[in-house]
């Protein structure tokens, strides 16, 4: 997901998306450890998306606190 798309989301949507991404990352890791999935790069991409979302979410929360 691109940063421009992430910035269009509200804080509640961002929190839902972060929880969803954390679950997806955990599921992908389980599949990799079991040998079902060979695409290790998918985890890296999901983690980067998650970090982007958390960064934007923290920016929004700082703005709201002021």
PDB file of N, CA and C in Angstrom:
ATOM      1  N   UNK A   1       0.845  -1.165   0.000  1.00  0.00           N
ATOM      2  CA  UNK A   1       0.000   0.000   0.000  1.00  0.00           C
ATOM      3  C   UNK A   1       0.897   1.237   0.000  1.00  0.00           C
ATOM      4  N   UNK A   2       0.539   2.196  -0.786  1.00  0.00           N
ATOM      5  CA  UNK A   2       1.349   3.400  -0.890  1.00  0.00           C
ATOM      6  C   UNK A   2       1.009   4.371   0.226  1.00  0.00           C
ATOM      7  N   UNK A   3       1.957   5.231   0.526  1.00  0.00           N
ATOM      8  CA  UNK A   3       1.801   6.175   1.628  1.00  0.00           C
ATOM      9  C   UNK A   3       0.654   7.147   1.373  1.00  0.00           C
ATOM     10  N   UNK A   4       0.434   7.519   0.114  1.00  0.00           N
ATOM     11  CA  UNK A   4      -0.674   8.424  -0.208  1.00  0.00           C
ATOM     12  C   UNK A   4      -2.017   7.775   0.109  1.00  0.00           C
ATOM     13  N   UNK A   5      -2.122   6.480  -0.149  1.00  0.00           N
ATOM     14  CA  UNK A   5      -3.360   5.758   0.168  1.00  0.00           C
ATOM     15  C   UNK A   5      -3.548   5.630   1.671  1.00  0.00           C
ATOM     16  N   UNK A   6      -2.459   5.444   2.377  1.00  0.00           N
ATOM     17  CA  UNK A   6      -2.530   5.287   3.828  1.00  0.00           C
ATOM     18  C   UNK A   6      -2.976   6.594   4.481  1.00  0.00           C
ATOM     19  N   UNK A   7      -2.488   7.711   3.978  1.00  0.00           N
ATOM     20  CA  UNK A   7      -2.826   9.012   4.568  1.00  0.00           C
ATOM     21  C   UNK A   7      -4.303   9.372   4.376  1.00  0.00           C
ATOM     22  N   UNK A   8      -4.980   8.729   3.442  1.00  0.00           N
ATOM     23  CA  UNK A   8      -6.402   8.988   3.211  1.00  0.00           C
ATOM     24  C   UNK A   8      -7.286   8.289   4.242  1.00  0.00           C
ATOM     25  N   UNK A   9      -6.731   7.317   4.961  1.00  0.00           N
ATOM     26  CA  UNK A   9      -7.507   6.562   5.930  1.00  0.00           C
ATOM     27  C   UNK A   9      -7.651   7.337   7.238  1.00  0.00           C
ATOM     28  N   UNK A  10      -8.729   7.041   7.956  1.00  0.00           N
ATOM     29  CA  UNK A  10      -8.929   7.650   9.269  1.00  0.00           C
ATOM     30  C   UNK A  10      -8.183   6.833  10.321  1.00  0.00           C
ATOM     31  N   UNK A  11      -8.151   7.357  11.540  1.00  0.00           N
ATOM     32  CA  UNK A  11      -7.423   6.653  12.596  1.00  0.00           C
ATOM     33  C   UNK A  11      -8.060   5.308  12.927  1.00  0.00           C
ATOM     34  N   UNK A  12      -9.374   5.243  12.914  1.00  0.00           N
ATOM     35  CA  UNK A  12     -10.036   3.963  13.213  1.00  0.00           C
ATOM     36  C   UNK A  12      -9.775   2.947  12.103  1.00  0.00           C
ATOM     37  N   UNK A  13      -9.774   3.394  10.859  1.00  0.00           N
ATOM     38  CA  UNK A  13      -9.471   2.484   9.754  1.00  0.00           C
ATOM     39  C   UNK A  13      -8.017   2.015   9.825  1.00  0.00           C
ATOM     40  N   UNK A  14      -7.127   2.919  10.217  1.00  0.00           N
ATOM     41  CA  UNK A  14      -5.718   2.544  10.336  1.00  0.00           C
ATOM     42  C   UNK A  14      -5.506   1.502  11.426  1.00  0.00           C
ATOM     43  N   UNK A  15      -6.187   1.650  12.545  1.00  0.00           N
ATOM     44  CA  UNK A  15      -6.023   0.662  13.613  1.00  0.00           C
ATOM     45  C   UNK A  15      -6.548  -0.700  13.182  1.00  0.00           C
ATOM     46  N   UNK A  16      -7.665  -0.711  12.465  1.00  0.00           N
ATOM     47  CA  UNK A  16      -8.198  -1.978  11.960  1.00  0.00           C
ATOM     48  C   UNK A  16      -7.237  -2.622  10.971  1.00  0.00           C
ATOM     49  N   UNK A  17      -6.662  -1.810  10.102  1.00  0.00           N
ATOM     50  CA  UNK A  17      -5.725  -2.325   9.101  1.00  0.00           C
ATOM     51  C   UNK A  17      -4.446  -2.849   9.755  1.00  0.00           C
ATOM     52  N   UNK A  18      -3.970  -2.182  10.803  1.00  0.00           N
ATOM     53  CA  UNK A  18      -2.755  -2.657  11.462  1.00  0.00           C
ATOM     54  C   UNK A  18      -2.982  -4.010  12.132  1.00  0.00           C
ATOM     55  N   UNK A  19      -4.134  -4.166  12.756  1.00  0.00           N
ATOM     56  CA  UNK A  19      -4.452  -5.452  13.383  1.00  0.00           C
ATOM     57  C   UNK A  19      -4.542  -6.546  12.317  1.00  0.00           C
ATOM     58  N   UNK A  20      -5.173  -6.208  11.207  1.00  0.00           N
ATOM     59  CA  UNK A  20      -5.309  -7.162  10.110  1.00  0.00           C
ATOM     60  C   UNK A  20      -3.937  -7.554   9.549  1.00  0.00           C
ATOM     61  N   UNK A  21      -3.063  -6.571   9.381  1.00  0.00           N
ATOM     62  CA  UNK A  21      -1.732  -6.860   8.855  1.00  0.00           C
ATOM     63  C   UNK A  21      -0.910  -7.702   9.825  1.00  0.00           C
ATOM     64  N   UNK A  22      -1.026  -7.438  11.128  1.00  0.00           N
ATOM     65  CA  UNK A  22      -0.306  -8.242  12.111  1.00  0.00           C
ATOM     66  C   UNK A  22      -0.740  -9.696  12.045  1.00  0.00           C
ATOM     67  N   UNK A  23      -2.033  -9.922  11.875  1.00  0.00           N
ATOM     68  CA  UNK A  23      -2.540 -11.285  11.745  1.00  0.00           C
ATOM     69  C   UNK A  23      -2.029 -11.946  10.471  1.00  0.00           C
ATOM     70  N   UNK A  24      -2.004 -11.188   9.369  1.00  0.00           N
ATOM     71  CA  UNK A  24      -1.512 -11.728   8.103  1.00  0.00           C
ATOM     72  C   UNK A  24      -0.035 -12.092   8.194  1.00  0.00           C
ATOM     73  N   UNK A  25       0.750 -11.260   8.856  1.00  0.00           N
ATOM     74  CA  UNK A  25       2.175 -11.541   9.014  1.00  0.00           C
ATOM     75  C   UNK A  25       2.381 -12.803   9.833  1.00  0.00           C
ATOM     76  N   UNK A  26       1.633 -12.948  10.912  1.00  0.00           N
ATOM     77  CA  UNK A  26       1.744 -14.143  11.744  1.00  0.00           C
ATOM     78  C   UNK A  26       1.367 -15.391  10.955  1.00  0.00           C
ATOM     79  N   UNK A  27       0.314 -15.287  10.161  1.00  0.00           N
ATOM     80  CA  UNK A  27      -0.129 -16.433   9.349  1.00  0.00           C
ATOM     81  C   UNK A  27       0.918 -16.785   8.292  1.00  0.00           C
ATOM     82  N   UNK A  28       1.493 -15.778   7.649  1.00  0.00           N
ATOM     83  CA  UNK A  28       2.535 -16.040   6.656  1.00  0.00           C
ATOM     84  C   UNK A  28       3.749 -16.700   7.290  1.00  0.00           C
ATOM     85  N   UNK A  29       4.131 -16.250   8.479  1.00  0.00           N
ATOM     86  CA  UNK A  29       5.270 -16.864   9.171  1.00  0.00           C
ATOM     87  C   UNK A  29       4.996 -18.325   9.497  1.00  0.00           C
ATOM     88  N   UNK A  30       3.769 -18.611   9.940  1.00  0.00           N
ATOM     89  CA  UNK A  30       3.418 -20.005  10.230  1.00  0.00           C
ATOM     90  C   UNK A  30       3.545 -20.869   8.983  1.00  0.00           C
ATOM     91  N   UNK A  31       3.069 -20.354   7.864  1.00  0.00           N
ATOM     92  CA  UNK A  31       3.145 -21.116   6.620  1.00  0.00           C
ATOM     93  C   UNK A  31       4.589 -21.321   6.177  1.00  0.00           C
ATOM     94  N   UNK A  32       5.425 -20.327   6.384  1.00  0.00           N
ATOM     95  CA  UNK A  32       6.835 -20.462   6.005  1.00  0.00           C
ATOM     96  C   UNK A  32       7.519 -21.506   6.876  1.00  0.00           C
ATOM     97  N   UNK A  33       7.267 -21.482   8.184  1.00  0.00           N
ATOM     98  CA  UNK A  33       7.890 -22.442   9.085  1.00  0.00           C
ATOM     99  C   UNK A  33       7.428 -23.865   8.802  1.00  0.00           C
ATOM    100  N   UNK A  34       6.176 -24.017   8.367  1.00  0.00           N
ATOM    101  CA  UNK A  34       5.672 -25.349   8.047  1.00  0.00           C
ATOM    102  C   UNK A  34       6.128 -25.815   6.668  1.00  0.00           C
ATOM    103  N   UNK A  35       6.633 -24.881   5.878  1.00  0.00           N
ATOM    104  CA  UNK A  35       7.116 -25.256   4.551  1.00  0.00           C
ATOM    105  C   UNK A  35       6.072 -25.130   3.466  1.00  0.00           C
ATOM    106  N   UNK A  36       4.913 -24.588   3.789  1.00  0.00           N
ATOM    107  CA  UNK A  36       3.858 -24.447   2.794  1.00  0.00           C
ATOM    108  C   UNK A  36       4.127 -23.292   1.837  1.00  0.00           C
ATOM    109  N   UNK A  37       4.751 -22.247   2.342  1.00  0.00           N
ATOM    110  CA  UNK A  37       4.943 -21.042   1.546  1.00  0.00           C
ATOM    111  C   UNK A  37       6.433 -20.790   1.386  1.00  0.00           C
ATOM    112  N   UNK A  38       6.869 -20.557   0.166  1.00  0.00           N
ATOM    113  CA  UNK A  38       8.277 -20.283  -0.093  1.00  0.00           C
ATOM    114  C   UNK A  38       8.538 -18.789  -0.307  1.00  0.00           C
ATOM    115  N   UNK A  39       7.483 -17.972  -0.347  1.00  0.00           N
ATOM    116  CA  UNK A  39       7.619 -16.557  -0.628  1.00  0.00           C
ATOM    117  C   UNK A  39       7.926 -15.789   0.660  1.00  0.00           C
ATOM    118  N   UNK A  40       9.205 -15.696   0.985  1.00  0.00           N
ATOM    119  CA  UNK A  40       9.627 -15.013   2.200  1.00  0.00           C
ATOM    120  C   UNK A  40       9.488 -13.505   2.037  1.00  0.00           C
ATOM    121  N   UNK A  41       9.565 -13.027   0.822  1.00  0.00           N
ATOM    122  CA  UNK A  41       9.468 -11.598   0.550  1.00  0.00           C
ATOM    123  C   UNK A  41       8.108 -11.021   0.907  1.00  0.00           C
ATOM    124  N   UNK A  42       7.086 -11.832   0.898  1.00  0.00           N
ATOM    125  CA  UNK A  42       5.751 -11.359   1.236  1.00  0.00           C
ATOM    126  C   UNK A  42       5.713 -10.836   2.672  1.00  0.00           C
ATOM    127  N   UNK A  43       6.435 -11.507   3.570  1.00  0.00           N
ATOM    128  CA  UNK A  43       6.484 -11.068   4.964  1.00  0.00           C
ATOM    129  C   UNK A  43       7.175  -9.721   5.047  1.00  0.00           C
ATOM    130  N   UNK A  44       8.253  -9.557   4.308  1.00  0.00           N
ATOM    131  CA  UNK A  44       8.979  -8.289   4.322  1.00  0.00           C
ATOM    132  C   UNK A  44       8.095  -7.145   3.833  1.00  0.00           C
ATOM    133  N   UNK A  45       7.365  -7.382   2.761  1.00  0.00           N
ATOM    134  CA  UNK A  45       6.491  -6.342   2.216  1.00  0.00           C
ATOM    135  C   UNK A  45       5.364  -5.992   3.184  1.00  0.00           C
ATOM    136  N   UNK A  46       4.802  -6.997   3.835  1.00  0.00           N
ATOM    137  CA  UNK A  46       3.734  -6.748   4.813  1.00  0.00           C
ATOM    138  C   UNK A  46       4.272  -5.964   6.003  1.00  0.00           C
ATOM    139  N   UNK A  47       5.493  -6.290   6.450  1.00  0.00           N
ATOM    140  CA  UNK A  47       6.080  -5.567   7.571  1.00  0.00           C
ATOM    141  C   UNK A  47       6.328  -4.105   7.220  1.00  0.00           C
ATOM    142  N   UNK A  48       6.759  -3.852   5.996  1.00  0.00           N
ATOM    143  CA  UNK A  48       6.981  -2.470   5.559  1.00  0.00           C
ATOM    144  C   UNK A  48       5.663  -1.703   5.507  1.00  0.00           C
ATOM    145  N   UNK A  49       4.619  -2.357   5.006  1.00  0.00           N
ATOM    146  CA  UNK A  49       3.299  -1.717   4.992  1.00  0.00           C
ATOM    147  C   UNK A  49       2.839  -1.399   6.416  1.00  0.00           C
ATOM    148  N   UNK A  50       3.069  -2.348   7.317  1.00  0.00           N
ATOM    149  CA  UNK A  50       2.675  -2.156   8.710  1.00  0.00           C
ATOM    150  C   UNK A  50       3.424  -0.972   9.326  1.00  0.00           C
ATOM    151  N   UNK A  51       4.697  -0.875   9.057  1.00  0.00           N
ATOM    152  CA  UNK A  51       5.464   0.234   9.630  1.00  0.00           C
ATOM    153  C   UNK A  51       5.013   1.568   9.057  1.00  0.00           C
ATOM    154  N   UNK A  52       4.656   1.595   7.777  1.00  0.00           N
ATOM    155  CA  UNK A  52       4.134   2.826   7.190  1.00  0.00           C
ATOM    156  C   UNK A  52       2.835   3.244   7.883  1.00  0.00           C
ATOM    157  N   UNK A  53       1.961   2.268   8.100  1.00  0.00           N
ATOM    158  CA  UNK A  53       0.687   2.569   8.738  1.00  0.00           C
ATOM    159  C   UNK A  53       0.876   3.047  10.172  1.00  0.00           C
ATOM    160  N   UNK A  54       1.772   2.413  10.894  1.00  0.00           N
ATOM    161  CA  UNK A  54       2.006   2.821  12.276  1.00  0.00           C
ATOM    162  C   UNK A  54       2.625   4.212  12.347  1.00  0.00           C
ATOM    163  N   UNK A  55       3.468   4.548  11.382  1.00  0.00           N
ATOM    164  CA  UNK A  55       4.061   5.881  11.344  1.00  0.00           C
ATOM    165  C   UNK A  55       2.998   6.941  11.113  1.00  0.00           C
ATOM    166  N   UNK A  56       2.134   6.717  10.143  1.00  0.00           N
ATOM    167  CA  UNK A  56       1.070   7.679   9.854  1.00  0.00           C
ATOM    168  C   UNK A  56       0.103   7.762  11.031  1.00  0.00           C
ATOM    169  N   UNK A  57      -0.197   6.644  11.635  1.00  0.00           N
ATOM    170  CA  UNK A  57      -1.089   6.631  12.790  1.00  0.00           C
ATOM    171  C   UNK A  57      -0.504   7.443  13.938  1.00  0.00           C
ATOM    172  N   UNK A  58       0.774   7.300  14.191  1.00  0.00           N
ATOM    173  CA  UNK A  58       1.394   8.083  15.267  1.00  0.00           C
ATOM    174  C   UNK A  58       1.407   9.564  14.928  1.00  0.00           C
ATOM    175  N   UNK A  59       1.578   9.907  13.650  1.00  0.00           N
ATOM    176  CA  UNK A  59       1.505  11.316  13.245  1.00  0.00           C
ATOM    177  C   UNK A  59       0.114  11.886  13.528  1.00  0.00           C
ATOM    178  N   UNK A  60      -0.913  11.105  13.197  1.00  0.00           N
ATOM    179  CA  UNK A  60      -2.283  11.556  13.442  1.00  0.00           C
ATOM    180  C   UNK A  60      -2.534  11.736  14.935  1.00  0.00           C
ATOM    181  N   UNK A  61      -2.054  10.813  15.753  1.00  0.00           N
ATOM    182  CA  UNK A  61      -2.291  10.889  17.184  1.00  0.00           C
ATOM    183  C   UNK A  61      -1.565  12.070  17.806  1.00  0.00           C
ATOM    184  N   UNK A  62      -0.394  12.410  17.304  1.00  0.00           N
ATOM    185  CA  UNK A  62       0.326  13.578  17.806  1.00  0.00           C
ATOM    186  C   UNK A  62      -0.427  14.853  17.457  1.00  0.00           C
ATOM    187  N   UNK A  63      -0.973  14.902  16.236  1.00  0.00           N
ATOM    188  CA  UNK A  63      -1.744  16.075  15.824  1.00  0.00           C
ATOM    189  C   UNK A  63      -2.996  16.241  16.664  1.00  0.00           C
ATOM    190  N   UNK A  64      -3.659  15.132  16.981  1.00  0.00           N
ATOM    191  CA  UNK A  64      -4.884  15.182  17.771  1.00  0.00           C
ATOM    192  C   UNK A  64      -4.603  15.589  19.215  1.00  0.00           C
ATOM    193  N   UNK A  65      -3.440  15.255  19.713  1.00  0.00           N
ATOM    194  CA  UNK A  65      -3.107  15.562  21.093  1.00  0.00           C
ATOM    195  C   UNK A  65      -2.834  17.059  21.303  1.00  0.00           C
ATOM    196  N   UNK A  66      -2.455  17.743  20.254  1.00  0.00           N
ATOM    197  CA  UNK A  66      -2.133  19.177  20.385  1.00  0.00           C
ATOM    198  C   UNK A  66      -3.348  20.039  20.448  1.00  0.00           C
TER     199      UNK A  66
END
